[in-house]
Amino acid sequence: MLILPAEADEALVTTAVDRISKVISPTGGEVTKLDRWGRKRFAYELARQTEGYYVVVRFTAEPTTAAELERTLNLADEIVRHKVLVVPEKKDKPQKHKAPSPTPA
């Protein structure tokens, strides 16, 4: 998740997503979903700003890529805040077998 300045336009969002793509592409990763939440009010003031433009980027990448992505996002001037979360893969739950119901005699 990225928080950009409230006055962010399409070019700024594209720049931020391209920055992420450049980090994860060499390791075989890819951006799978881009969700723009738009302008939201902060719970408290950040760097003298009260609003930000929220963007959620879902991607697949190697686990070692997270550290490099964190470093890159920390250095990006256009990003107010960011958070990288590792979402575990969904595993199929084993289905419980129901005992056959007794048949009436």
PDB file of N, CA and C in Angstrom:
ATOM      1  N   MET A   1       0.851  -1.160   0.000  1.00  0.00           N
ATOM      2  CA  MET A   1       0.000   0.000   0.000  1.00  0.00           C
ATOM      3  C   MET A   1       0.900   1.226   0.000  1.00  0.00           C
ATOM      4  N   LEU A   2       0.512   2.201  -0.819  1.00  0.00           N
ATOM      5  CA  LEU A   2       1.253   3.445  -0.925  1.00  0.00           C
ATOM      6  C   LEU A   2       0.347   4.603  -0.575  1.00  0.00           C
ATOM      7  N   ILE A   3       0.901   5.608   0.043  1.00  0.00           N
ATOM      8  CA  ILE A   3       0.194   6.864   0.237  1.00  0.00           C
ATOM      9  C   ILE A   3       0.995   7.928  -0.493  1.00  0.00           C
ATOM     10  N   LEU A   4       0.354   8.528  -1.476  1.00  0.00           N
ATOM     11  CA  LEU A   4       0.965   9.579  -2.272  1.00  0.00           C
ATOM     12  C   LEU A   4       0.389  10.913  -1.828  1.00  0.00           C
ATOM     13  N   PRO A   5       0.972  12.038  -2.236  1.00  0.00           N
ATOM     14  CA  PRO A   5       0.381  13.334  -1.891  1.00  0.00           C
ATOM     15  C   PRO A   5      -1.059  13.426  -2.398  1.00  0.00           C
ATOM     16  N   ALA A   6      -1.899  14.197  -1.714  1.00  0.00           N
ATOM     17  CA  ALA A   6      -3.324  14.283  -2.041  1.00  0.00           C
ATOM     18  C   ALA A   6      -3.560  14.793  -3.461  1.00  0.00           C
ATOM     19  N   GLU A   7      -2.681  15.610  -3.976  1.00  0.00           N
ATOM     20  CA  GLU A   7      -2.863  16.150  -5.318  1.00  0.00           C
ATOM     21  C   GLU A   7      -2.259  15.258  -6.400  1.00  0.00           C
ATOM     22  N   ALA A   8      -2.024  13.988  -6.091  1.00  0.00           N
ATOM     23  CA  ALA A   8      -1.425  13.046  -7.040  1.00  0.00           C
ATOM     24  C   ALA A   8      -2.304  12.899  -8.275  1.00  0.00           C
ATOM     25  N   ASP A   9      -1.657  12.885  -9.436  1.00  0.00           N
ATOM     26  CA  ASP A   9      -2.370  12.679 -10.685  1.00  0.00           C
ATOM     27  C   ASP A   9      -1.970  11.319 -11.265  1.00  0.00           C
ATOM     28  N   GLU A  10      -2.474  11.024 -12.437  1.00  0.00           N
ATOM     29  CA  GLU A  10      -2.215   9.731 -13.076  1.00  0.00           C
ATOM     30  C   GLU A  10      -0.724   9.503 -13.303  1.00  0.00           C
ATOM     31  N   ALA A  11       0.000  10.549 -13.660  1.00  0.00           N
ATOM     32  CA  ALA A  11       1.431  10.421 -13.922  1.00  0.00           C
ATOM     33  C   ALA A  11       2.197  10.016 -12.664  1.00  0.00           C
ATOM     34  N   LEU A  12       1.828  10.570 -11.531  1.00  0.00           N
ATOM     35  CA  LEU A  12       2.510  10.243 -10.276  1.00  0.00           C
ATOM     36  C   LEU A  12       2.211   8.810  -9.841  1.00  0.00           C
ATOM     37  N   VAL A  13       0.978   8.380 -10.015  1.00  0.00           N
ATOM     38  CA  VAL A  13       0.606   6.998  -9.680  1.00  0.00           C
ATOM     39  C   VAL A  13       1.365   6.039 -10.586  1.00  0.00           C
ATOM     40  N   THR A  14       1.427   6.345 -11.867  1.00  0.00           N
ATOM     41  CA  THR A  14       2.146   5.490 -12.819  1.00  0.00           C
ATOM     42  C   THR A  14       3.630   5.417 -12.477  1.00  0.00           C
ATOM     43  N   THR A  15       4.206   6.539 -12.080  1.00  0.00           N
ATOM     44  CA  THR A  15       5.616   6.559 -11.694  1.00  0.00           C
ATOM     45  C   THR A  15       5.876   5.642 -10.499  1.00  0.00           C
ATOM     46  N   ALA A  16       5.003   5.695  -9.507  1.00  0.00           N
ATOM     47  CA  ALA A  16       5.166   4.865  -8.314  1.00  0.00           C
ATOM     48  C   ALA A  16       5.025   3.387  -8.652  1.00  0.00           C
ATOM     49  N   VAL A  17       4.046   3.044  -9.483  1.00  0.00           N
ATOM     50  CA  VAL A  17       3.851   1.641  -9.868  1.00  0.00           C
ATOM     51  C   VAL A  17       5.007   1.147 -10.726  1.00  0.00           C
ATOM     52  N   ASP A  18       5.526   2.002 -11.615  1.00  0.00           N
ATOM     53  CA  ASP A  18       6.687   1.631 -12.424  1.00  0.00           C
ATOM     54  C   ASP A  18       7.907   1.379 -11.548  1.00  0.00           C
ATOM     55  N   ARG A  19       8.049   2.171 -10.500  1.00  0.00           N
ATOM     56  CA  ARG A  19       9.160   1.994  -9.568  1.00  0.00           C
ATOM     57  C   ARG A  19       9.079   0.607  -8.912  1.00  0.00           C
ATOM     58  N   ILE A  20       7.874   0.194  -8.551  1.00  0.00           N
ATOM     59  CA  ILE A  20       7.680  -1.130  -7.954  1.00  0.00           C
ATOM     60  C   ILE A  20       7.969  -2.218  -8.986  1.00  0.00           C
ATOM     61  N   SER A  21       7.480  -2.041 -10.200  1.00  0.00           N
ATOM     62  CA  SER A  21       7.683  -3.029 -11.263  1.00  0.00           C
ATOM     63  C   SER A  21       9.162  -3.231 -11.574  1.00  0.00           C
ATOM     64  N   LYS A  22       9.938  -2.153 -11.554  1.00  0.00           N
ATOM     65  CA  LYS A  22      11.368  -2.250 -11.846  1.00  0.00           C
ATOM     66  C   LYS A  22      12.110  -3.068 -10.795  1.00  0.00           C
ATOM     67  N   VAL A  23      11.603  -3.084  -9.580  1.00  0.00           N
ATOM     68  CA  VAL A  23      12.257  -3.849  -8.521  1.00  0.00           C
ATOM     69  C   VAL A  23      11.864  -5.323  -8.602  1.00  0.00           C
ATOM     70  N   ILE A  24      10.597  -5.610  -8.869  1.00  0.00           N
ATOM     71  CA  ILE A  24      10.151  -7.006  -8.808  1.00  0.00           C
ATOM     72  C   ILE A  24      10.301  -7.753 -10.130  1.00  0.00           C
ATOM     73  N   SER A  25      10.387  -7.057 -11.266  1.00  0.00           N
ATOM     74  CA  SER A  25      10.483  -7.721 -12.571  1.00  0.00           C
ATOM     75  C   SER A  25      11.747  -8.560 -12.753  1.00  0.00           C
ATOM     76  N   PRO A  26      12.922  -8.091 -12.355  1.00  0.00           N
ATOM     77  CA  PRO A  26      14.127  -8.905 -12.560  1.00  0.00           C
ATOM     78  C   PRO A  26      14.100 -10.254 -11.853  1.00  0.00           C
ATOM     79  N   THR A  27      13.324 -10.384 -10.805  1.00  0.00           N
ATOM     80  CA  THR A  27      13.255 -11.659 -10.086  1.00  0.00           C
ATOM     81  C   THR A  27      12.101 -12.528 -10.560  1.00  0.00           C
ATOM     82  N   GLY A  28      11.428 -12.108 -11.633  1.00  0.00           N
ATOM     83  CA  GLY A  28      10.337 -12.906 -12.174  1.00  0.00           C
ATOM     84  C   GLY A  28       8.977 -12.553 -11.609  1.00  0.00           C
ATOM     85  N   GLY A  29       8.870 -11.480 -10.851  1.00  0.00           N
ATOM     86  CA  GLY A  29       7.597 -11.074 -10.268  1.00  0.00           C
ATOM     87  C   GLY A  29       6.794 -10.209 -11.223  1.00  0.00           C
ATOM     88  N   GLU A  30       5.538  -9.953 -10.864  1.00  0.00           N
ATOM     89  CA  GLU A  30       4.694  -9.105 -11.686  1.00  0.00           C
ATOM     90  C   GLU A  30       3.619  -8.441 -10.840  1.00  0.00           C
ATOM     91  N   VAL A  31       3.178  -7.275 -11.281  1.00  0.00           N
ATOM     92  CA  VAL A  31       2.072  -6.576 -10.631  1.00  0.00           C
ATOM     93  C   VAL A  31       0.792  -7.247 -11.100  1.00  0.00           C
ATOM     94  N   THR A  32      -0.029  -7.739 -10.161  1.00  0.00           N
ATOM     95  CA  THR A  32      -1.243  -8.457 -10.529  1.00  0.00           C
ATOM     96  C   THR A  32      -2.493  -7.600 -10.422  1.00  0.00           C
ATOM     97  N   LYS A  33      -2.490  -6.614  -9.519  1.00  0.00           N
ATOM     98  CA  LYS A  33      -3.687  -5.790  -9.343  1.00  0.00           C
ATOM     99  C   LYS A  33      -3.289  -4.408  -8.834  1.00  0.00           C
ATOM    100  N   LEU A  34      -3.949  -3.392  -9.351  1.00  0.00           N
ATOM    101  CA  LEU A  34      -3.733  -2.023  -8.924  1.00  0.00           C
ATOM    102  C   LEU A  34      -5.082  -1.463  -8.514  1.00  0.00           C
ATOM    103  N   ASP A  35      -5.212  -1.114  -7.246  1.00  0.00           N
ATOM    104  CA  ASP A  35      -6.484  -0.633  -6.708  1.00  0.00           C
ATOM    105  C   ASP A  35      -6.286   0.784  -6.176  1.00  0.00           C
ATOM    106  N   ARG A  36      -6.954   1.748  -6.805  1.00  0.00           N
ATOM    107  CA  ARG A  36      -6.838   3.152  -6.392  1.00  0.00           C
ATOM    108  C   ARG A  36      -7.985   3.483  -5.451  1.00  0.00           C
ATOM    109  N   TRP A  37      -7.649   3.802  -4.221  1.00  0.00           N
ATOM    110  CA  TRP A  37      -8.666   4.158  -3.235  1.00  0.00           C
ATOM    111  C   TRP A  37      -9.005   5.638  -3.310  1.00  0.00           C
ATOM    112  N   GLY A  38      -8.113   6.438  -3.848  1.00  0.00           N
ATOM    113  CA  GLY A  38      -8.365   7.867  -3.974  1.00  0.00           C
ATOM    114  C   GLY A  38      -7.943   8.648  -2.748  1.00  0.00           C
ATOM    115  N   ARG A  39      -8.450   9.883  -2.654  1.00  0.00           N
ATOM    116  CA  ARG A  39      -8.094  10.770  -1.539  1.00  0.00           C
ATOM    117  C   ARG A  39      -8.814  10.348  -0.271  1.00  0.00           C
ATOM    118  N   LYS A  40      -8.049  10.223   0.792  1.00  0.00           N
ATOM    119  CA  LYS A  40      -8.592   9.888   2.108  1.00  0.00           C
ATOM    120  C   LYS A  40      -7.962  10.816   3.135  1.00  0.00           C
ATOM    121  N   ARG A  41      -8.710  11.097   4.167  1.00  0.00           N
ATOM    122  CA  ARG A  41      -8.231  11.934   5.255  1.00  0.00           C
ATOM    123  C   ARG A  41      -7.406  11.083   6.219  1.00  0.00           C
ATOM    124  N   PHE A  42      -6.264  11.622   6.650  1.00  0.00           N
ATOM    125  CA  PHE A  42      -5.415  10.924   7.617  1.00  0.00           C
ATOM    126  C   PHE A  42      -6.027  10.986   9.010  1.00  0.00           C
ATOM    127  N   ALA A  43      -5.706  10.018   9.829  1.00  0.00           N
ATOM    128  CA  ALA A  43      -6.141  10.038  11.226  1.00  0.00           C
ATOM    129  C   ALA A  43      -5.371  11.119  11.994  1.00  0.00           C
ATOM    130  N   TYR A  44      -4.159  11.389  11.559  1.00  0.00           N
ATOM    131  CA  TYR A  44      -3.333  12.435  12.159  1.00  0.00           C
ATOM    132  C   TYR A  44      -2.452  13.030  11.064  1.00  0.00           C
ATOM    133  N   GLU A  45      -1.904  14.169  11.303  1.00  0.00           N
ATOM    134  CA  GLU A  45      -1.121  14.891  10.315  1.00  0.00           C
ATOM    135  C   GLU A  45       0.212  14.186  10.048  1.00  0.00           C
ATOM    136  N   LEU A  46       0.549  14.050   8.769  1.00  0.00           N
ATOM    137  CA  LEU A  46       1.823  13.464   8.352  1.00  0.00           C
ATOM    138  C   LEU A  46       2.563  14.480   7.492  1.00  0.00           C
ATOM    139  N   ALA A  47       3.727  14.875   7.904  1.00  0.00           N
ATOM    140  CA  ALA A  47       4.543  15.832   7.145  1.00  0.00           C
ATOM    141  C   ALA A  47       3.725  17.056   6.740  1.00  0.00           C
ATOM    142  N   ARG A  48       2.948  17.568   7.685  1.00  0.00           N
ATOM    143  CA  ARG A  48       2.102  18.751   7.503  1.00  0.00           C
ATOM    144  C   ARG A  48       1.023  18.568   6.434  1.00  0.00           C
ATOM    145  N   GLN A  49       0.643  17.330   6.211  1.00  0.00           N
ATOM    146  CA  GLN A  49      -0.435  17.018   5.274  1.00  0.00           C
ATOM    147  C   GLN A  49      -1.555  16.335   6.038  1.00  0.00           C
ATOM    148  N   THR A  50      -2.796  16.605   5.639  1.00  0.00           N
ATOM    149  CA  THR A  50      -3.943  16.000   6.321  1.00  0.00           C
ATOM    150  C   THR A  50      -4.679  14.999   5.444  1.00  0.00           C
ATOM    151  N   GLU A  51      -4.327  14.931   4.157  1.00  0.00           N
ATOM    152  CA  GLU A  51      -4.942  13.989   3.237  1.00  0.00           C
ATOM    153  C   GLU A  51      -3.878  13.347   2.370  1.00  0.00           C
ATOM    154  N   GLY A  52      -4.204  12.171   1.831  1.00  0.00           N
ATOM    155  CA  GLY A  52      -3.296  11.483   0.934  1.00  0.00           C
ATOM    156  C   GLY A  52      -4.070  10.686  -0.096  1.00  0.00           C
ATOM    157  N   TYR A  53      -3.399  10.310  -1.154  1.00  0.00           N
ATOM    158  CA  TYR A  53      -3.990   9.504  -2.219  1.00  0.00           C
ATOM    159  C   TYR A  53      -3.494   8.073  -2.017  1.00  0.00           C
ATOM    160  N   TYR A  54      -4.418   7.174  -1.706  1.00  0.00           N
ATOM    161  CA  TYR A  54      -4.079   5.792  -1.387  1.00  0.00           C
ATOM    162  C   TYR A  54      -4.111   4.912  -2.631  1.00  0.00           C
ATOM    163  N   VAL A  55      -3.096   4.061  -2.758  1.00  0.00           N
ATOM    164  CA  VAL A  55      -3.017   3.104  -3.864  1.00  0.00           C
ATOM    165  C   VAL A  55      -2.572   1.767  -3.269  1.00  0.00           C
ATOM    166  N   VAL A  56      -3.311   0.709  -3.595  1.00  0.00           N
ATOM    167  CA  VAL A  56      -2.938  -0.634  -3.159  1.00  0.00           C
ATOM    168  C   VAL A  56      -2.459  -1.404  -4.384  1.00  0.00           C
ATOM    169  N   VAL A  57      -1.246  -1.924  -4.311  1.00  0.00           N
ATOM    170  CA  VAL A  57      -0.647  -2.666  -5.413  1.00  0.00           C
ATOM    171  C   VAL A  57      -0.442  -4.102  -4.953  1.00  0.00           C
ATOM    172  N   ARG A  58      -1.062  -5.040  -5.659  1.00  0.00           N
ATOM    173  CA  ARG A  58      -0.835  -6.457  -5.359  1.00  0.00           C
ATOM    174  C   ARG A  58       0.144  -6.988  -6.392  1.00  0.00           C
ATOM    175  N   PHE A  59       1.101  -7.766  -5.944  1.00  0.00           N
ATOM    176  CA  PHE A  59       2.094  -8.308  -6.859  1.00  0.00           C
ATOM    177  C   PHE A  59       2.585  -9.649  -6.347  1.00  0.00           C
ATOM    178  N   THR A  60       3.192 -10.401  -7.247  1.00  0.00           N
ATOM    179  CA  THR A  60       3.843 -11.657  -6.880  1.00  0.00           C
ATOM    180  C   THR A  60       5.331 -11.466  -7.103  1.00  0.00           C
ATOM    181  N   ALA A  61       6.132 -11.976  -6.185  1.00  0.00           N
ATOM    182  CA  ALA A  61       7.583 -11.850  -6.296  1.00  0.00           C
ATOM    183  C   ALA A  61       8.241 -12.839  -5.347  1.00  0.00           C
ATOM    184  N   GLU A  62       9.532 -12.965  -5.501  1.00  0.00           N
ATOM    185  CA  GLU A  62      10.311 -13.804  -4.602  1.00  0.00           C
ATOM    186  C   GLU A  62      10.354 -13.165  -3.214  1.00  0.00           C
ATOM    187  N   PRO A  63      10.434 -13.961  -2.160  1.00  0.00           N
ATOM    188  CA  PRO A  63      10.469 -13.391  -0.802  1.00  0.00           C
ATOM    189  C   PRO A  63      11.649 -12.456  -0.550  1.00  0.00           C
ATOM    190  N   THR A  64      12.753 -12.672  -1.214  1.00  0.00           N
ATOM    191  CA  THR A  64      13.926 -11.825  -1.007  1.00  0.00           C
ATOM    192  C   THR A  64      13.763 -10.434  -1.621  1.00  0.00           C
ATOM    193  N   THR A  65      12.780 -10.266  -2.471  1.00  0.00           N
ATOM    194  CA  THR A  65      12.548  -8.990  -3.140  1.00  0.00           C
ATOM    195  C   THR A  65      11.975  -7.946  -2.192  1.00  0.00           C
ATOM    196  N   ALA A  66      11.347  -8.367  -1.109  1.00  0.00           N
ATOM    197  CA  ALA A  66      10.691  -7.437  -0.183  1.00  0.00           C
ATOM    198  C   ALA A  66      11.679  -6.426   0.410  1.00  0.00           C
ATOM    199  N   ALA A  67      12.869  -6.859   0.765  1.00  0.00           N
ATOM    200  CA  ALA A  67      13.855  -5.947   1.357  1.00  0.00           C
ATOM    201  C   ALA A  67      14.281  -4.878   0.350  1.00  0.00           C
ATOM    202  N   GLU A  68      14.517  -5.267  -0.887  1.00  0.00           N
ATOM    203  CA  GLU A  68      14.903  -4.307  -1.921  1.00  0.00           C
ATOM    204  C   GLU A  68      13.754  -3.342  -2.224  1.00  0.00           C
ATOM    205  N   LEU A  69      12.529  -3.844  -2.217  1.00  0.00           N
ATOM    206  CA  LEU A  69      11.368  -2.989  -2.459  1.00  0.00           C
ATOM    207  C   LEU A  69      11.197  -1.977  -1.327  1.00  0.00           C
ATOM    208  N   GLU A  70      11.376  -2.409  -0.094  1.00  0.00           N
ATOM    209  CA  GLU A  70      11.305  -1.494   1.058  1.00  0.00           C
ATOM    210  C   GLU A  70      12.333  -0.371   0.918  1.00  0.00           C
ATOM    211  N   ARG A  71      13.551  -0.730   0.531  1.00  0.00           N
ATOM    212  CA  ARG A  71      14.614   0.262   0.369  1.00  0.00           C
ATOM    213  C   ARG A  71      14.259   1.259  -0.727  1.00  0.00           C
ATOM    214  N   THR A  72      13.755   0.762  -1.840  1.00  0.00           N
ATOM    215  CA  THR A  72      13.396   1.630  -2.956  1.00  0.00           C
ATOM    216  C   THR A  72      12.262   2.577  -2.593  1.00  0.00           C
ATOM    217  N   LEU A  73      11.244   2.065  -1.898  1.00  0.00           N
ATOM    218  CA  LEU A  73      10.111   2.910  -1.518  1.00  0.00           C
ATOM    219  C   LEU A  73      10.501   3.941  -0.461  1.00  0.00           C
ATOM    220  N   ASN A  74      11.449   3.605   0.412  1.00  0.00           N
ATOM    221  CA  ASN A  74      11.935   4.573   1.402  1.00  0.00           C
ATOM    222  C   ASN A  74      12.647   5.748   0.729  1.00  0.00           C
ATOM    223  N   LEU A  75      13.324   5.480  -0.379  1.00  0.00           N
ATOM    224  CA  LEU A  75      14.078   6.523  -1.072  1.00  0.00           C
ATOM    225  C   LEU A  75      13.214   7.357  -2.016  1.00  0.00           C
ATOM    226  N   ALA A  76      12.021   6.882  -2.341  1.00  0.00           N
ATOM    227  CA  ALA A  76      11.159   7.591  -3.294  1.00  0.00           C
ATOM    228  C   ALA A  76      10.596   8.856  -2.651  1.00  0.00           C
ATOM    229  N   ASP A  77      10.821   9.994  -3.291  1.00  0.00           N
ATOM    230  CA  ASP A  77      10.351  11.271  -2.759  1.00  0.00           C
ATOM    231  C   ASP A  77       8.847  11.451  -2.907  1.00  0.00           C
ATOM    232  N   GLU A  78       8.246  10.830  -3.916  1.00  0.00           N
ATOM    233  CA  GLU A  78       6.825  11.043  -4.162  1.00  0.00           C
ATOM    234  C   GLU A  78       5.918  10.222  -3.249  1.00  0.00           C
ATOM    235  N   ILE A  79       6.479   9.327  -2.471  1.00  0.00           N
ATOM    236  CA  ILE A  79       5.679   8.460  -1.597  1.00  0.00           C
ATOM    237  C   ILE A  79       5.728   9.000  -0.171  1.00  0.00           C
ATOM    238  N   VAL A  80       4.546   9.309   0.382  1.00  0.00           N
ATOM    239  CA  VAL A  80       4.457   9.828   1.745  1.00  0.00           C
ATOM    240  C   VAL A  80       4.686   8.701   2.743  1.00  0.00           C
ATOM    241  N   ARG A  81       3.969   7.600   2.583  1.00  0.00           N
ATOM    242  CA  ARG A  81       4.117   6.408   3.425  1.00  0.00           C
ATOM    243  C   ARG A  81       3.905   5.176   2.571  1.00  0.00           C
ATOM    244  N   HIS A  82       4.399   4.045   3.034  1.00  0.00           N
ATOM    245  CA  HIS A  82       4.166   2.779   2.356  1.00  0.00           C
ATOM    246  C   HIS A  82       4.155   1.649   3.373  1.00  0.00           C
ATOM    247  N   LYS A  83       3.576   0.549   2.969  1.00  0.00           N
ATOM    248  CA  LYS A  83       3.550  -0.647   3.800  1.00  0.00           C
ATOM    249  C   LYS A  83       3.571  -1.844   2.863  1.00  0.00           C
ATOM    250  N   VAL A  84       4.531  -2.743   3.056  1.00  0.00           N
ATOM    251  CA  VAL A  84       4.616  -3.957   2.256  1.00  0.00           C
ATOM    252  C   VAL A  84       4.172  -5.111   3.149  1.00  0.00           C
ATOM    253  N   LEU A  85       3.140  -5.797   2.728  1.00  0.00           N
ATOM    254  CA  LEU A  85       2.618  -6.937   3.473  1.00  0.00           C
ATOM    255  C   LEU A  85       2.821  -8.204   2.675  1.00  0.00           C
ATOM    256  N   VAL A  86       3.170  -9.269   3.359  1.00  0.00           N
ATOM    257  CA  VAL A  86       3.297 -10.570   2.718  1.00  0.00           C
ATOM    258  C   VAL A  86       2.014 -11.339   3.016  1.00  0.00           C
ATOM    259  N   VAL A  87       1.279 -11.613   1.959  1.00  0.00           N
ATOM    260  CA  VAL A  87       0.013 -12.332   2.100  1.00  0.00           C
ATOM    261  C   VAL A  87       0.290 -13.804   1.839  1.00  0.00           C
ATOM    262  N   PRO A  88       0.000 -14.675   2.810  1.00  0.00           N
ATOM    263  CA  PRO A  88       0.267 -16.095   2.596  1.00  0.00           C
ATOM    264  C   PRO A  88      -0.648 -16.661   1.516  1.00  0.00           C
ATOM    265  N   GLU A  89      -0.137 -17.659   0.830  1.00  0.00           N
ATOM    266  CA  GLU A  89      -0.934 -18.307  -0.207  1.00  0.00           C
ATOM    267  C   GLU A  89      -2.066 -19.080   0.438  1.00  0.00           C
ATOM    268  N   LYS A  90      -3.187 -19.110  -0.259  1.00  0.00           N
ATOM    269  CA  LYS A  90      -4.323 -19.875   0.251  1.00  0.00           C
ATOM    270  C   LYS A  90      -4.075 -21.352  -0.019  1.00  0.00           C
ATOM    271  N   LYS A  91      -4.270 -22.137   0.998  1.00  0.00           N
ATOM    272  CA  LYS A  91      -4.140 -23.576   0.847  1.00  0.00           C
ATOM    273  C   LYS A  91      -5.523 -24.178   0.974  1.00  0.00           C
ATOM    274  N   ASP A  92      -5.759 -25.173   0.160  1.00  0.00           N
ATOM    275  CA  ASP A  92      -7.055 -25.836   0.229  1.00  0.00           C
ATOM    276  C   ASP A  92      -7.171 -26.573   1.546  1.00  0.00           C
ATOM    277  N   LYS A  93      -8.275 -26.331   2.227  1.00  0.00           N
ATOM    278  CA  LYS A  93      -8.507 -27.023   3.486  1.00  0.00           C
ATOM    279  C   LYS A  93      -8.964 -28.440   3.181  1.00  0.00           C
ATOM    280  N   PRO A  94      -8.476 -29.406   3.937  1.00  0.00           N
ATOM    281  CA  PRO A  94      -8.971 -30.761   3.703  1.00  0.00           C
ATOM    282  C   PRO A  94     -10.457 -30.818   4.058  1.00  0.00           C
ATOM    283  N   GLN A  95     -11.199 -31.423   3.173  1.00  0.00           N
ATOM    284  CA  GLN A  95     -12.628 -31.500   3.410  1.00  0.00           C
ATOM    285  C   GLN A  95     -12.919 -32.564   4.442  1.00  0.00           C
ATOM    286  N   LYS A  96     -13.812 -32.224   5.342  1.00  0.00           N
ATOM    287  CA  LYS A  96     -14.207 -33.170   6.372  1.00  0.00           C
ATOM    288  C   LYS A  96     -15.206 -34.141   5.762  1.00  0.00           C
ATOM    289  N   HIS A  97     -14.985 -35.401   6.029  1.00  0.00           N
ATOM    290  CA  HIS A  97     -15.908 -36.409   5.517  1.00  0.00           C
ATOM    291  C   HIS A  97     -17.032 -36.588   6.507  1.00  0.00           C
ATOM    292  N   LYS A  98     -18.230 -36.441   6.008  1.00  0.00           N
ATOM    293  CA  LYS A  98     -19.378 -36.649   6.867  1.00  0.00           C
ATOM    294  C   LYS A  98     -19.648 -38.144   6.968  1.00  0.00           C
ATOM    295  N   ALA A  99     -20.012 -38.525   8.150  1.00  0.00           N
ATOM    296  CA  ALA A  99     -20.407 -39.934   8.335  1.00  0.00           C
ATOM    297  C   ALA A  99     -21.744 -40.107   7.634  1.00  0.00           C
ATOM    298  N   PRO A 100     -21.926 -41.240   6.948  1.00  0.00           N
ATOM    299  CA  PRO A 100     -23.201 -41.457   6.273  1.00  0.00           C
ATOM    300  C   PRO A 100     -24.340 -41.489   7.276  1.00  0.00           C
ATOM    301  N   SER A 101     -25.398 -40.814   6.918  1.00  0.00           N
ATOM    302  CA  SER A 101     -26.542 -40.810   7.826  1.00  0.00           C
ATOM    303  C   SER A 101     -27.218 -42.182   7.818  1.00  0.00           C
ATOM    304  N   PRO A 102     -27.651 -42.606   9.002  1.00  0.00           N
ATOM    305  CA  PRO A 102     -28.288 -43.939   9.046  1.00  0.00           C
ATOM    306  C   PRO A 102     -29.601 -43.931   8.238  1.00  0.00           C
ATOM    307  N   THR A 103     -29.802 -44.982   7.523  1.00  0.00           N
ATOM    308  CA  THR A 103     -31.018 -45.091   6.746  1.00  0.00           C
ATOM    309  C   THR A 103     -32.105 -45.754   7.593  1.00  0.00           C
ATOM    310  N   PRO A 104     -33.315 -45.237   7.491  1.00  0.00           N
ATOM    311  CA  PRO A 104     -34.391 -45.858   8.293  1.00  0.00           C
ATOM    312  C   PRO A 104     -34.690 -47.266   7.801  1.00  0.00           C
ATOM    313  N   ALA A 105     -34.974 -48.166   8.710  1.00  0.00           N
ATOM    314  CA  ALA A 105     -35.234 -49.560   8.362  1.00  0.00           C
ATOM    315  C   ALA A 105     -36.678 -49.855   8.136  1.00  0.00           C
TER     316      ALA A 105
END
